[in-house]
Amino acid sequence: MSKQMALVDLNLLAETSRFPVLKGFMRSPAHWELLCNIYVLDGDETYGINDYIDMCKTGSVTRLTLSNFLRAQISNGALEVQFGAKKSRKTLTLSNSLKAEVENYFALRTRLMKEQG
């Protein structure tokens, strides 16, 4: 099973050019973790930007690095800021293009896993 999963990952890596916006999040486990948390929570107003950073368990980068990364992704339009339940709390959602890439990526991953299974 391990070799089959490695083949799935190799095939996914070969397809990364199909996901130009998503590619920026793939460079670091912490960035990938941020993306997954933002995708799963999908603008839940009870979570703010600092909460997303606090959720990161990979520990491979500093809070400042994560904050700067999020700021850059907001600036380039990959992430969108939504105002939460509290006026001072901002939450995040994926842009439509990033959401489409994430969903296509996971669909491809699922298909590749079934083919290897």
PDB file of N, CA and C in Angstrom:
ATOM      1  N   MET A   1       0.812  -1.192   0.000  1.00  0.00           N
ATOM      2  CA  MET A   1       0.000   0.000   0.000  1.00  0.00           C
ATOM      3  C   MET A   1       0.862   1.265   0.000  1.00  0.00           C
ATOM      4  N   SER A   2       2.003   1.239   0.665  1.00  0.00           N
ATOM      5  CA  SER A   2       2.868   2.415   0.721  1.00  0.00           C
ATOM      6  C   SER A   2       3.349   2.830  -0.661  1.00  0.00           C
ATOM      7  N   LYS A   3       3.746   1.853  -1.459  1.00  0.00           N
ATOM      8  CA  LYS A   3       4.217   2.177  -2.815  1.00  0.00           C
ATOM      9  C   LYS A   3       3.084   2.723  -3.664  1.00  0.00           C
ATOM     10  N   GLN A   4       1.873   2.227  -3.447  1.00  0.00           N
ATOM     11  CA  GLN A   4       0.727   2.737  -4.199  1.00  0.00           C
ATOM     12  C   GLN A   4       0.462   4.197  -3.850  1.00  0.00           C
ATOM     13  N   MET A   5       0.579   4.543  -2.575  1.00  0.00           N
ATOM     14  CA  MET A   5       0.374   5.938  -2.161  1.00  0.00           C
ATOM     15  C   MET A   5       1.483   6.836  -2.709  1.00  0.00           C
ATOM     16  N   ALA A   6       2.703   6.297  -2.769  1.00  0.00           N
ATOM     17  CA  ALA A   6       3.805   7.064  -3.347  1.00  0.00           C
ATOM     18  C   ALA A   6       3.528   7.334  -4.821  1.00  0.00           C
ATOM     19  N   LEU A   7       2.966   6.363  -5.523  1.00  0.00           N
ATOM     20  CA  LEU A   7       2.614   6.559  -6.936  1.00  0.00           C
ATOM     21  C   LEU A   7       1.517   7.612  -7.090  1.00  0.00           C
ATOM     22  N   VAL A   8       0.565   7.600  -6.191  1.00  0.00           N
ATOM     23  CA  VAL A   8      -0.483   8.624  -6.213  1.00  0.00           C
ATOM     24  C   VAL A   8       0.151  10.005  -6.051  1.00  0.00           C
ATOM     25  N   ASP A   9       1.044  10.139  -5.069  1.00  0.00           N
ATOM     26  CA  ASP A   9       1.703  11.429  -4.851  1.00  0.00           C
ATOM     27  C   ASP A   9       2.553  11.847  -6.045  1.00  0.00           C
ATOM     28  N   LEU A  10       3.265  10.917  -6.640  1.00  0.00           N
ATOM     29  CA  LEU A  10       4.070  11.240  -7.821  1.00  0.00           C
ATOM     30  C   LEU A  10       3.187  11.729  -8.969  1.00  0.00           C
ATOM     31  N   ASN A  11       2.052  11.069  -9.166  1.00  0.00           N
ATOM     32  CA  ASN A  11       1.135  11.496 -10.218  1.00  0.00           C
ATOM     33  C   ASN A  11       0.536  12.867  -9.910  1.00  0.00           C
ATOM     34  N   LEU A  12       0.241  13.123  -8.649  1.00  0.00           N
ATOM     35  CA  LEU A  12      -0.268  14.441  -8.257  1.00  0.00           C
ATOM     36  C   LEU A  12       0.782  15.523  -8.491  1.00  0.00           C
ATOM     37  N   LEU A  13       2.012  15.235  -8.126  1.00  0.00           N
ATOM     38  CA  LEU A  13       3.091  16.208  -8.339  1.00  0.00           C
ATOM     39  C   LEU A  13       3.263  16.532  -9.815  1.00  0.00           C
ATOM     40  N   ALA A  14       3.092  15.538 -10.658  1.00  0.00           N
ATOM     41  CA  ALA A  14       3.216  15.752 -12.098  1.00  0.00           C
ATOM     42  C   ALA A  14       2.102  16.647 -12.634  1.00  0.00           C
ATOM     43  N   GLU A  15       1.007  16.729 -11.904  1.00  0.00           N
ATOM     44  CA  GLU A  15      -0.151  17.507 -12.336  1.00  0.00           C
ATOM     45  C   GLU A  15      -0.216  18.900 -11.707  1.00  0.00           C
ATOM     46  N   THR A  16       0.773  19.285 -10.907  1.00  0.00           N
ATOM     47  CA  THR A  16       0.678  20.557 -10.178  1.00  0.00           C
ATOM     48  C   THR A  16       0.568  21.767 -11.096  1.00  0.00           C
ATOM     49  N   SER A  17       1.029  21.675 -12.323  1.00  0.00           N
ATOM     50  CA  SER A  17       0.914  22.817 -13.235  1.00  0.00           C
ATOM     51  C   SER A  17      -0.550  23.140 -13.544  1.00  0.00           C
ATOM     52  N   ARG A  18      -1.447  22.171 -13.321  1.00  0.00           N
ATOM     53  CA  ARG A  18      -2.876  22.400 -13.530  1.00  0.00           C
ATOM     54  C   ARG A  18      -3.492  23.245 -12.417  1.00  0.00           C
ATOM     55  N   PHE A  19      -2.729  23.478 -11.365  1.00  0.00           N
ATOM     56  CA  PHE A  19      -3.248  24.167 -10.180  1.00  0.00           C
ATOM     57  C   PHE A  19      -2.350  25.349  -9.806  1.00  0.00           C
ATOM     58  N   PRO A  20      -2.302  26.390 -10.638  1.00  0.00           N
ATOM     59  CA  PRO A  20      -1.353  27.484 -10.391  1.00  0.00           C
ATOM     60  C   PRO A  20      -1.573  28.244  -9.090  1.00  0.00           C
ATOM     61  N   VAL A  21      -2.809  28.451  -8.670  1.00  0.00           N
ATOM     62  CA  VAL A  21      -3.055  29.180  -7.419  1.00  0.00           C
ATOM     63  C   VAL A  21      -2.764  28.273  -6.226  1.00  0.00           C
ATOM     64  N   LEU A  22      -3.189  27.046  -6.313  1.00  0.00           N
ATOM     65  CA  LEU A  22      -2.995  26.063  -5.245  1.00  0.00           C
ATOM     66  C   LEU A  22      -1.516  25.770  -5.005  1.00  0.00           C
ATOM     67  N   LYS A  23      -0.735  25.864  -6.063  1.00  0.00           N
ATOM     68  CA  LYS A  23       0.702  25.560  -6.003  1.00  0.00           C
ATOM     69  C   LYS A  23       1.424  26.350  -4.903  1.00  0.00           C
ATOM     70  N   GLY A  24       1.034  27.603  -4.692  1.00  0.00           N
ATOM     71  CA  GLY A  24       1.656  28.431  -3.656  1.00  0.00           C
ATOM     72  C   GLY A  24       1.475  27.871  -2.258  1.00  0.00           C
ATOM     73  N   PHE A  25       0.388  27.153  -2.050  1.00  0.00           N
ATOM     74  CA  PHE A  25       0.118  26.557  -0.744  1.00  0.00           C
ATOM     75  C   PHE A  25       0.830  25.222  -0.574  1.00  0.00           C
ATOM     76  N   MET A  26       1.289  24.640  -1.664  1.00  0.00           N
ATOM     77  CA  MET A  26       1.927  23.324  -1.616  1.00  0.00           C
ATOM     78  C   MET A  26       3.401  23.390  -1.227  1.00  0.00           C
ATOM     79  N   ARG A  27       3.953  24.566  -1.146  1.00  0.00           N
ATOM     80  CA  ARG A  27       5.391  24.717  -0.903  1.00  0.00           C
ATOM     81  C   ARG A  27       5.803  24.434   0.533  1.00  0.00           C
ATOM     82  N   SER A  28       4.849  24.462   1.444  1.00  0.00           N
ATOM     83  CA  SER A  28       5.160  24.282   2.860  1.00  0.00           C
ATOM     84  C   SER A  28       4.025  23.509   3.529  1.00  0.00           C
ATOM     85  N   PRO A  29       4.364  22.559   4.388  1.00  0.00           N
ATOM     86  CA  PRO A  29       3.305  21.849   5.120  1.00  0.00           C
ATOM     87  C   PRO A  29       2.412  22.804   5.924  1.00  0.00           C
ATOM     88  N   ALA A  30       2.989  23.845   6.484  1.00  0.00           N
ATOM     89  CA  ALA A  30       2.204  24.808   7.266  1.00  0.00           C
ATOM     90  C   ALA A  30       1.232  25.567   6.363  1.00  0.00           C
ATOM     91  N   HIS A  31       1.662  25.922   5.167  1.00  0.00           N
ATOM     92  CA  HIS A  31       0.782  26.625   4.234  1.00  0.00           C
ATOM     93  C   HIS A  31      -0.347  25.706   3.782  1.00  0.00           C
ATOM     94  N   TRP A  32      -0.016  24.443   3.548  1.00  0.00           N
ATOM     95  CA  TRP A  32      -1.030  23.463   3.164  1.00  0.00           C
ATOM     96  C   TRP A  32      -2.043  23.275   4.299  1.00  0.00           C
ATOM     97  N   GLU A  33      -1.542  23.220   5.524  1.00  0.00           N
ATOM     98  CA  GLU A  33      -2.415  23.070   6.682  1.00  0.00           C
ATOM     99  C   GLU A  33      -3.355  24.273   6.816  1.00  0.00           C
ATOM    100  N   LEU A  34      -2.837  25.473   6.622  1.00  0.00           N
ATOM    101  CA  LEU A  34      -3.672  26.677   6.645  1.00  0.00           C
ATOM    102  C   LEU A  34      -4.780  26.573   5.604  1.00  0.00           C
ATOM    103  N   LEU A  35      -4.399  26.202   4.395  1.00  0.00           N
ATOM    104  CA  LEU A  35      -5.373  26.079   3.309  1.00  0.00           C
ATOM    105  C   LEU A  35      -6.478  25.089   3.676  1.00  0.00           C
ATOM    106  N   CYS A  36      -6.091  23.936   4.180  1.00  0.00           N
ATOM    107  CA  CYS A  36      -7.081  22.907   4.531  1.00  0.00           C
ATOM    108  C   CYS A  36      -8.020  23.400   5.624  1.00  0.00           C
ATOM    109  N   ASN A  37      -7.487  24.076   6.634  1.00  0.00           N
ATOM    110  CA  ASN A  37      -8.334  24.606   7.701  1.00  0.00           C
ATOM    111  C   ASN A  37      -9.296  25.667   7.174  1.00  0.00           C
ATOM    112  N   ILE A  38      -8.812  26.555   6.336  1.00  0.00           N
ATOM    113  CA  ILE A  38      -9.671  27.605   5.774  1.00  0.00           C
ATOM    114  C   ILE A  38     -10.746  26.984   4.884  1.00  0.00           C
ATOM    115  N   TYR A  39     -10.376  25.991   4.109  1.00  0.00           N
ATOM    116  CA  TYR A  39     -11.335  25.308   3.235  1.00  0.00           C
ATOM    117  C   TYR A  39     -12.417  24.605   4.052  1.00  0.00           C
ATOM    118  N   VAL A  40     -12.012  23.878   5.078  1.00  0.00           N
ATOM    119  CA  VAL A  40     -12.972  23.123   5.895  1.00  0.00           C
ATOM    120  C   VAL A  40     -13.903  24.064   6.657  1.00  0.00           C
ATOM    121  N   LEU A  41     -13.361  25.128   7.235  1.00  0.00           N
ATOM    122  CA  LEU A  41     -14.185  26.041   8.032  1.00  0.00           C
ATOM    123  C   LEU A  41     -15.043  26.963   7.162  1.00  0.00           C
ATOM    124  N   ASP A  42     -14.629  27.192   5.941  1.00  0.00           N
ATOM    125  CA  ASP A  42     -15.418  27.885   4.916  1.00  0.00           C
ATOM    126  C   ASP A  42     -16.115  29.150   5.417  1.00  0.00           C
ATOM    127  N   GLY A  43     -15.339  30.049   6.005  1.00  0.00           N
ATOM    128  CA  GLY A  43     -15.886  31.336   6.427  1.00  0.00           C
ATOM    129  C   GLY A  43     -16.663  31.318   7.729  1.00  0.00           C
ATOM    130  N   ASP A  44     -16.501  30.275   8.517  1.00  0.00           N
ATOM    131  CA  ASP A  44     -17.173  30.192   9.822  1.00  0.00           C
ATOM    132  C   ASP A  44     -16.801  31.438  10.631  1.00  0.00           C
ATOM    133  N   GLU A  45     -17.802  32.224  10.966  1.00  0.00           N
ATOM    134  CA  GLU A  45     -17.578  33.523  11.608  1.00  0.00           C
ATOM    135  C   GLU A  45     -17.001  33.439  13.014  1.00  0.00           C
ATOM    136  N   THR A  46     -16.990  32.264  13.604  1.00  0.00           N
ATOM    137  CA  THR A  46     -16.440  32.143  14.950  1.00  0.00           C
ATOM    138  C   THR A  46     -14.918  32.064  14.935  1.00  0.00           C
ATOM    139  N   TYR A  47     -14.318  31.946  13.755  1.00  0.00           N
ATOM    140  CA  TYR A  47     -12.862  31.861  13.636  1.00  0.00           C
ATOM    141  C   TYR A  47     -12.321  33.106  12.956  1.00  0.00           C
ATOM    142  N   GLY A  48     -11.255  33.638  13.536  1.00  0.00           N
ATOM    143  CA  GLY A  48     -10.577  34.783  12.951  1.00  0.00           C
ATOM    144  C   GLY A  48      -9.231  34.362  12.385  1.00  0.00           C
ATOM    145  N   ILE A  49      -8.552  35.292  11.790  1.00  0.00           N
ATOM    146  CA  ILE A  49      -7.263  35.004  11.144  1.00  0.00           C
ATOM    147  C   ILE A  49      -6.272  34.410  12.143  1.00  0.00           C
ATOM    148  N   ASN A  50      -6.210  34.953  13.349  1.00  0.00           N
ATOM    149  CA  ASN A  50      -5.284  34.406  14.352  1.00  0.00           C
ATOM    150  C   ASN A  50      -5.647  32.985  14.746  1.00  0.00           C
ATOM    151  N   ASP A  51      -6.940  32.656  14.704  1.00  0.00           N
ATOM    152  CA  ASP A  51      -7.358  31.286  15.014  1.00  0.00           C
ATOM    153  C   ASP A  51      -6.806  30.298  13.993  1.00  0.00           C
ATOM    154  N   TYR A  52      -6.812  30.705  12.728  1.00  0.00           N
ATOM    155  CA  TYR A  52      -6.254  29.825  11.689  1.00  0.00           C
ATOM    156  C   TYR A  52      -4.769  29.563  11.955  1.00  0.00           C
ATOM    157  N   ILE A  53      -4.068  30.600  12.339  1.00  0.00           N
ATOM    158  CA  ILE A  53      -2.641  30.449  12.643  1.00  0.00           C
ATOM    159  C   ILE A  53      -2.461  29.551  13.865  1.00  0.00           C
ATOM    160  N   ASP A  54      -3.297  29.740  14.894  1.00  0.00           N
ATOM    161  CA  ASP A  54      -3.211  28.918  16.104  1.00  0.00           C
ATOM    162  C   ASP A  54      -3.490  27.443  15.821  1.00  0.00           C
ATOM    163  N   MET A  55      -4.281  27.154  14.810  1.00  0.00           N
ATOM    164  CA  MET A  55      -4.627  25.770  14.473  1.00  0.00           C
ATOM    165  C   MET A  55      -3.467  24.991  13.863  1.00  0.00           C
ATOM    166  N   CYS A  56      -2.481  25.693  13.360  1.00  0.00           N
ATOM    167  CA  CYS A  56      -1.371  25.021  12.683  1.00  0.00           C
ATOM    168  C   CYS A  56      -0.552  24.204  13.667  1.00  0.00           C
ATOM    169  N   LYS A  57      -0.431  22.940  13.374  1.00  0.00           N
ATOM    170  CA  LYS A  57       0.304  22.013  14.240  1.00  0.00           C
ATOM    171  C   LYS A  57       1.636  21.585  13.640  1.00  0.00           C
ATOM    172  N   THR A  58       1.880  21.941  12.391  1.00  0.00           N
ATOM    173  CA  THR A  58       3.113  21.493  11.751  1.00  0.00           C
ATOM    174  C   THR A  58       4.349  22.124  12.379  1.00  0.00           C
ATOM    175  N   GLY A  59       4.210  23.334  12.884  1.00  0.00           N
ATOM    176  CA  GLY A  59       5.306  23.963  13.611  1.00  0.00           C
ATOM    177  C   GLY A  59       6.562  24.232  12.808  1.00  0.00           C
ATOM    178  N   SER A  60       6.435  24.233  11.503  1.00  0.00           N
ATOM    179  CA  SER A  60       7.634  24.393  10.677  1.00  0.00           C
ATOM    180  C   SER A  60       7.994  25.855  10.418  1.00  0.00           C
ATOM    181  N   VAL A  61       7.081  26.779  10.739  1.00  0.00           N
ATOM    182  CA  VAL A  61       7.341  28.206  10.520  1.00  0.00           C
ATOM    183  C   VAL A  61       6.786  29.016  11.695  1.00  0.00           C
ATOM    184  N   THR A  62       7.196  30.257  11.768  1.00  0.00           N
ATOM    185  CA  THR A  62       6.756  31.125  12.856  1.00  0.00           C
ATOM    186  C   THR A  62       5.374  31.715  12.575  1.00  0.00           C
ATOM    187  N   ARG A  63       4.766  32.256  13.618  1.00  0.00           N
ATOM    188  CA  ARG A  63       3.472  32.944  13.465  1.00  0.00           C
ATOM    189  C   ARG A  63       3.591  34.105  12.479  1.00  0.00           C
ATOM    190  N   LEU A  64       4.701  34.838  12.571  1.00  0.00           N
ATOM    191  CA  LEU A  64       4.904  35.972  11.675  1.00  0.00           C
ATOM    192  C   LEU A  64       4.963  35.508  10.220  1.00  0.00           C
ATOM    193  N   THR A  65       5.661  34.410   9.977  1.00  0.00           N
ATOM    194  CA  THR A  65       5.754  33.877   8.618  1.00  0.00           C
ATOM    195  C   THR A  65       4.371  33.482   8.102  1.00  0.00           C
ATOM    196  N   LEU A  66       3.576  32.831   8.949  1.00  0.00           N
ATOM    197  CA  LEU A  66       2.219  32.446   8.550  1.00  0.00           C
ATOM    198  C   LEU A  66       1.351  33.675   8.302  1.00  0.00           C
ATOM    199  N   SER A  67       1.478  34.651   9.169  1.00  0.00           N
ATOM    200  CA  SER A  67       0.708  35.884   9.014  1.00  0.00           C
ATOM    201  C   SER A  67       1.072  36.596   7.710  1.00  0.00           C
ATOM    202  N   ASN A  68       2.364  36.679   7.418  1.00  0.00           N
ATOM    203  CA  ASN A  68       2.821  37.311   6.177  1.00  0.00           C
ATOM    204  C   ASN A  68       2.337  36.532   4.952  1.00  0.00           C
ATOM    205  N   PHE A  69       2.355  35.208   5.050  1.00  0.00           N
ATOM    206  CA  PHE A  69       1.874  34.375   3.951  1.00  0.00           C
ATOM    207  C   PHE A  69       0.386  34.633   3.704  1.00  0.00           C
ATOM    208  N   LEU A  70      -0.403  34.652   4.773  1.00  0.00           N
ATOM    209  CA  LEU A  70      -1.835  34.920   4.629  1.00  0.00           C
ATOM    210  C   LEU A  70      -2.074  36.293   4.025  1.00  0.00           C
ATOM    211  N   ARG A  71      -1.335  37.274   4.496  1.00  0.00           N
ATOM    212  CA  ARG A  71      -1.465  38.631   3.964  1.00  0.00           C
ATOM    213  C   ARG A  71      -1.165  38.659   2.463  1.00  0.00           C
ATOM    214  N   ALA A  72      -0.133  37.943   2.047  1.00  0.00           N
ATOM    215  CA  ALA A  72       0.220  37.889   0.619  1.00  0.00           C
ATOM    216  C   ALA A  72      -0.875  37.199  -0.194  1.00  0.00           C
ATOM    217  N   GLN A  73      -1.454  36.132   0.360  1.00  0.00           N
ATOM    218  CA  GLN A  73      -2.507  35.408  -0.358  1.00  0.00           C
ATOM    219  C   GLN A  73      -3.792  36.236  -0.451  1.00  0.00           C
ATOM    220  N   ILE A  74      -4.042  37.048   0.551  1.00  0.00           N
ATOM    221  CA  ILE A  74      -5.182  37.967   0.507  1.00  0.00           C
ATOM    222  C   ILE A  74      -4.918  39.027  -0.556  1.00  0.00           C
ATOM    223  N   SER A  75      -3.709  39.551  -0.558  1.00  0.00           N
ATOM    224  CA  SER A  75      -3.335  40.591  -1.509  1.00  0.00           C
ATOM    225  C   SER A  75      -3.415  40.114  -2.960  1.00  0.00           C
ATOM    226  N   ASN A  76      -3.015  38.857  -3.202  1.00  0.00           N
ATOM    227  CA  ASN A  76      -3.055  38.365  -4.585  1.00  0.00           C
ATOM    228  C   ASN A  76      -4.405  37.775  -4.981  1.00  0.00           C
ATOM    229  N   GLY A  77      -5.369  37.795  -4.041  1.00  0.00           N
ATOM    230  CA  GLY A  77      -6.729  37.387  -4.369  1.00  0.00           C
ATOM    231  C   GLY A  77      -7.051  35.917  -4.183  1.00  0.00           C
ATOM    232  N   ALA A  78      -6.103  35.129  -3.690  1.00  0.00           N
ATOM    233  CA  ALA A  78      -6.365  33.703  -3.473  1.00  0.00           C
ATOM    234  C   ALA A  78      -7.293  33.492  -2.284  1.00  0.00           C
ATOM    235  N   LEU A  79      -7.153  34.353  -1.276  1.00  0.00           N
ATOM    236  CA  LEU A  79      -8.006  34.299  -0.087  1.00  0.00           C
ATOM    237  C   LEU A  79      -8.811  35.586  -0.002  1.00  0.00           C
ATOM    238  N   GLU A  80     -10.011  35.468   0.546  1.00  0.00           N
ATOM    239  CA  GLU A  80     -10.866  36.636   0.709  1.00  0.00           C
ATOM    240  C   GLU A  80     -11.201  36.828   2.175  1.00  0.00           C
ATOM    241  N   VAL A  81     -11.215  38.080   2.599  1.00  0.00           N
ATOM    242  CA  VAL A  81     -11.528  38.432   3.982  1.00  0.00           C
ATOM    243  C   VAL A  81     -13.028  38.657   4.102  1.00  0.00           C
ATOM    244  N   GLN A  82     -13.599  38.037   5.114  1.00  0.00           N
ATOM    245  CA  GLN A  82     -15.014  38.227   5.452  1.00  0.00           C
ATOM    246  C   GLN A  82     -15.062  38.730   6.884  1.00  0.00           C
ATOM    247  N   PHE A  83     -15.999  39.586   7.189  1.00  0.00           N
ATOM    248  CA  PHE A  83     -16.117  40.066   8.553  1.00  0.00           C
ATOM    249  C   PHE A  83     -16.964  39.096   9.348  1.00  0.00           C
ATOM    250  N   GLY A  84     -16.465  38.761  10.539  1.00  0.00           N
ATOM    251  CA  GLY A  84     -17.111  37.774  11.384  1.00  0.00           C
ATOM    252  C   GLY A  84     -18.218  38.355  12.241  1.00  0.00           C
ATOM    253  N   ALA A  85     -18.652  37.566  13.208  1.00  0.00           N
ATOM    254  CA  ALA A  85     -19.730  37.955  14.117  1.00  0.00           C
ATOM    255  C   ALA A  85     -19.352  39.230  14.877  1.00  0.00           C
ATOM    256  N   LYS A  86     -18.102  39.303  15.320  1.00  0.00           N
ATOM    257  CA  LYS A  86     -17.604  40.521  15.947  1.00  0.00           C
ATOM    258  C   LYS A  86     -17.037  41.382  14.830  1.00  0.00           C
ATOM    259  N   LYS A  87     -17.302  42.678  14.894  1.00  0.00           N
ATOM    260  CA  LYS A  87     -16.827  43.573  13.835  1.00  0.00           C
ATOM    261  C   LYS A  87     -15.309  43.527  13.664  1.00  0.00           C
ATOM    262  N   SER A  88     -14.611  43.338  14.794  1.00  0.00           N
ATOM    263  CA  SER A  88     -13.149  43.343  14.740  1.00  0.00           C
ATOM    264  C   SER A  88     -12.576  42.013  14.243  1.00  0.00           C
ATOM    265  N   ARG A  89     -13.400  40.972  14.181  1.00  0.00           N
ATOM    266  CA  ARG A  89     -12.920  39.647  13.782  1.00  0.00           C
ATOM    267  C   ARG A  89     -13.104  39.461  12.286  1.00  0.00           C
ATOM    268  N   LYS A  90     -12.004  39.141  11.620  1.00  0.00           N
ATOM    269  CA  LYS A  90     -12.049  38.863  10.192  1.00  0.00           C
ATOM    270  C   LYS A  90     -11.815  37.372  10.000  1.00  0.00           C
ATOM    271  N   THR A  91     -12.607  36.775   9.162  1.00  0.00           N
ATOM    272  CA  THR A  91     -12.431  35.369   8.842  1.00  0.00           C
ATOM    273  C   THR A  91     -12.035  35.256   7.371  1.00  0.00           C
ATOM    274  N   LEU A  92     -11.642  34.073   6.960  1.00  0.00           N
ATOM    275  CA  LEU A  92     -11.149  33.891   5.595  1.00  0.00           C
ATOM    276  C   LEU A  92     -11.955  32.854   4.837  1.00  0.00           C
ATOM    277  N   THR A  93     -12.054  33.072   3.547  1.00  0.00           N
ATOM    278  CA  THR A  93     -12.614  32.079   2.637  1.00  0.00           C
ATOM    279  C   THR A  93     -11.694  31.988   1.428  1.00  0.00           C
ATOM    280  N   LEU A  94     -11.827  30.910   0.707  1.00  0.00           N
ATOM    281  CA  LEU A  94     -11.067  30.756  -0.529  1.00  0.00           C
ATOM    282  C   LEU A  94     -11.748  31.547  -1.634  1.00  0.00           C
ATOM    283  N   SER A  95     -10.953  32.116  -2.531  1.00  0.00           N
ATOM    284  CA  SER A  95     -11.534  32.736  -3.714  1.00  0.00           C
ATOM    285  C   SER A  95     -12.192  31.641  -4.548  1.00  0.00           C
ATOM    286  N   ASN A  96     -13.057  32.025  -5.450  1.00  0.00           N
ATOM    287  CA  ASN A  96     -13.719  31.027  -6.295  1.00  0.00           C
ATOM    288  C   ASN A  96     -12.717  30.206  -7.089  1.00  0.00           C
ATOM    289  N   SER A  97     -11.678  30.862  -7.612  1.00  0.00           N
ATOM    290  CA  SER A  97     -10.691  30.129  -8.415  1.00  0.00           C
ATOM    291  C   SER A  97      -9.889  29.149  -7.563  1.00  0.00           C
ATOM    292  N   LEU A  98      -9.509  29.570  -6.349  1.00  0.00           N
ATOM    293  CA  LEU A  98      -8.760  28.660  -5.474  1.00  0.00           C
ATOM    294  C   LEU A  98      -9.653  27.513  -5.014  1.00  0.00           C
ATOM    295  N   LYS A  99     -10.893  27.804  -4.691  1.00  0.00           N
ATOM    296  CA  LYS A  99     -11.816  26.748  -4.267  1.00  0.00           C
ATOM    297  C   LYS A  99     -11.993  25.712  -5.375  1.00  0.00           C
ATOM    298  N   ALA A 100     -12.120  26.173  -6.602  1.00  0.00           N
ATOM    299  CA  ALA A 100     -12.256  25.251  -7.736  1.00  0.00           C
ATOM    300  C   ALA A 100     -11.005  24.385  -7.878  1.00  0.00           C
ATOM    301  N   GLU A 101      -9.830  24.994  -7.716  1.00  0.00           N
ATOM    302  CA  GLU A 101      -8.586  24.227  -7.815  1.00  0.00           C
ATOM    303  C   GLU A 101      -8.480  23.201  -6.688  1.00  0.00           C
ATOM    304  N   VAL A 102      -8.846  23.586  -5.477  1.00  0.00           N
ATOM    305  CA  VAL A 102      -8.794  22.661  -4.342  1.00  0.00           C
ATOM    306  C   VAL A 102      -9.713  21.473  -4.607  1.00  0.00           C
ATOM    307  N   GLU A 103     -10.923  21.759  -5.038  1.00  0.00           N
ATOM    308  CA  GLU A 103     -11.880  20.677  -5.283  1.00  0.00           C
ATOM    309  C   GLU A 103     -11.446  19.782  -6.440  1.00  0.00           C
ATOM    310  N   ASN A 104     -10.868  20.369  -7.484  1.00  0.00           N
ATOM    311  CA  ASN A 104     -10.342  19.567  -8.594  1.00  0.00           C
ATOM    312  C   ASN A 104      -9.147  18.729  -8.149  1.00  0.00           C
ATOM    313  N   TYR A 105      -8.302  19.297  -7.304  1.00  0.00           N
ATOM    314  CA  TYR A 105      -7.140  18.577  -6.784  1.00  0.00           C
ATOM    315  C   TYR A 105      -7.581  17.360  -5.972  1.00  0.00           C
ATOM    316  N   PHE A 106      -8.526  17.568  -5.051  1.00  0.00           N
ATOM    317  CA  PHE A 106      -8.986  16.454  -4.227  1.00  0.00           C
ATOM    318  C   PHE A 106      -9.743  15.412  -5.052  1.00  0.00           C
ATOM    319  N   ALA A 107     -10.456  15.851  -6.079  1.00  0.00           N
ATOM    320  CA  ALA A 107     -11.136  14.902  -6.967  1.00  0.00           C
ATOM    321  C   ALA A 107     -10.107  14.063  -7.720  1.00  0.00           C
ATOM    322  N   LEU A 108      -9.041  14.710  -8.193  1.00  0.00           N
ATOM    323  CA  LEU A 108      -7.965  13.991  -8.879  1.00  0.00           C
ATOM    324  C   LEU A 108      -7.293  13.013  -7.930  1.00  0.00           C
ATOM    325  N   ARG A 109      -7.024  13.451  -6.730  1.00  0.00           N
ATOM    326  CA  ARG A 109      -6.386  12.585  -5.735  1.00  0.00           C
ATOM    327  C   ARG A 109      -7.253  11.359  -5.447  1.00  0.00           C
ATOM    328  N   THR A 110      -8.542  11.577  -5.279  1.00  0.00           N
ATOM    329  CA  THR A 110      -9.472  10.474  -5.028  1.00  0.00           C
ATOM    330  C   THR A 110      -9.478   9.497  -6.197  1.00  0.00           C
ATOM    331  N   ARG A 111      -9.516  10.038  -7.416  1.00  0.00           N
ATOM    332  CA  ARG A 111      -9.520   9.174  -8.600  1.00  0.00           C
ATOM    333  C   ARG A 111      -8.238   8.360  -8.686  1.00  0.00           C
ATOM    334  N   LEU A 112      -7.102   9.002  -8.453  1.00  0.00           N
ATOM    335  CA  LEU A 112      -5.816   8.308  -8.511  1.00  0.00           C
ATOM    336  C   LEU A 112      -5.718   7.227  -7.429  1.00  0.00           C
ATOM    337  N   MET A 113      -6.250   7.512  -6.262  1.00  0.00           N
ATOM    338  CA  MET A 113      -6.228   6.515  -5.180  1.00  0.00           C
ATOM    339  C   MET A 113      -7.076   5.293  -5.550  1.00  0.00           C
ATOM    340  N   LYS A 114      -8.208   5.534  -6.171  1.00  0.00           N
ATOM    341  CA  LYS A 114      -9.066   4.414  -6.595  1.00  0.00           C
ATOM    342  C   LYS A 114      -8.371   3.582  -7.676  1.00  0.00           C
ATOM    343  N   GLU A 115      -7.685   4.259  -8.577  1.00  0.00           N
ATOM    344  CA  GLU A 115      -6.970   3.551  -9.647  1.00  0.00           C
ATOM    345  C   GLU A 115      -5.844   2.703  -9.093  1.00  0.00           C
ATOM    346  N   GLN A 116      -5.181   3.177  -8.022  1.00  0.00           N
ATOM    347  CA  GLN A 116      -4.076   2.430  -7.417  1.00  0.00           C
ATOM    348  C   GLN A 116      -4.557   1.347  -6.469  1.00  0.00           C
ATOM    349  N   GLY A 117      -5.785   1.509  -5.956  1.00  0.00           N
ATOM    350  CA  GLY A 117      -6.319   0.611  -4.934  1.00  0.00           C
ATOM    351  C   GLY A 117      -6.672  -0.733  -5.458  1.00  0.00           C
TER     352      GLY A 117
END
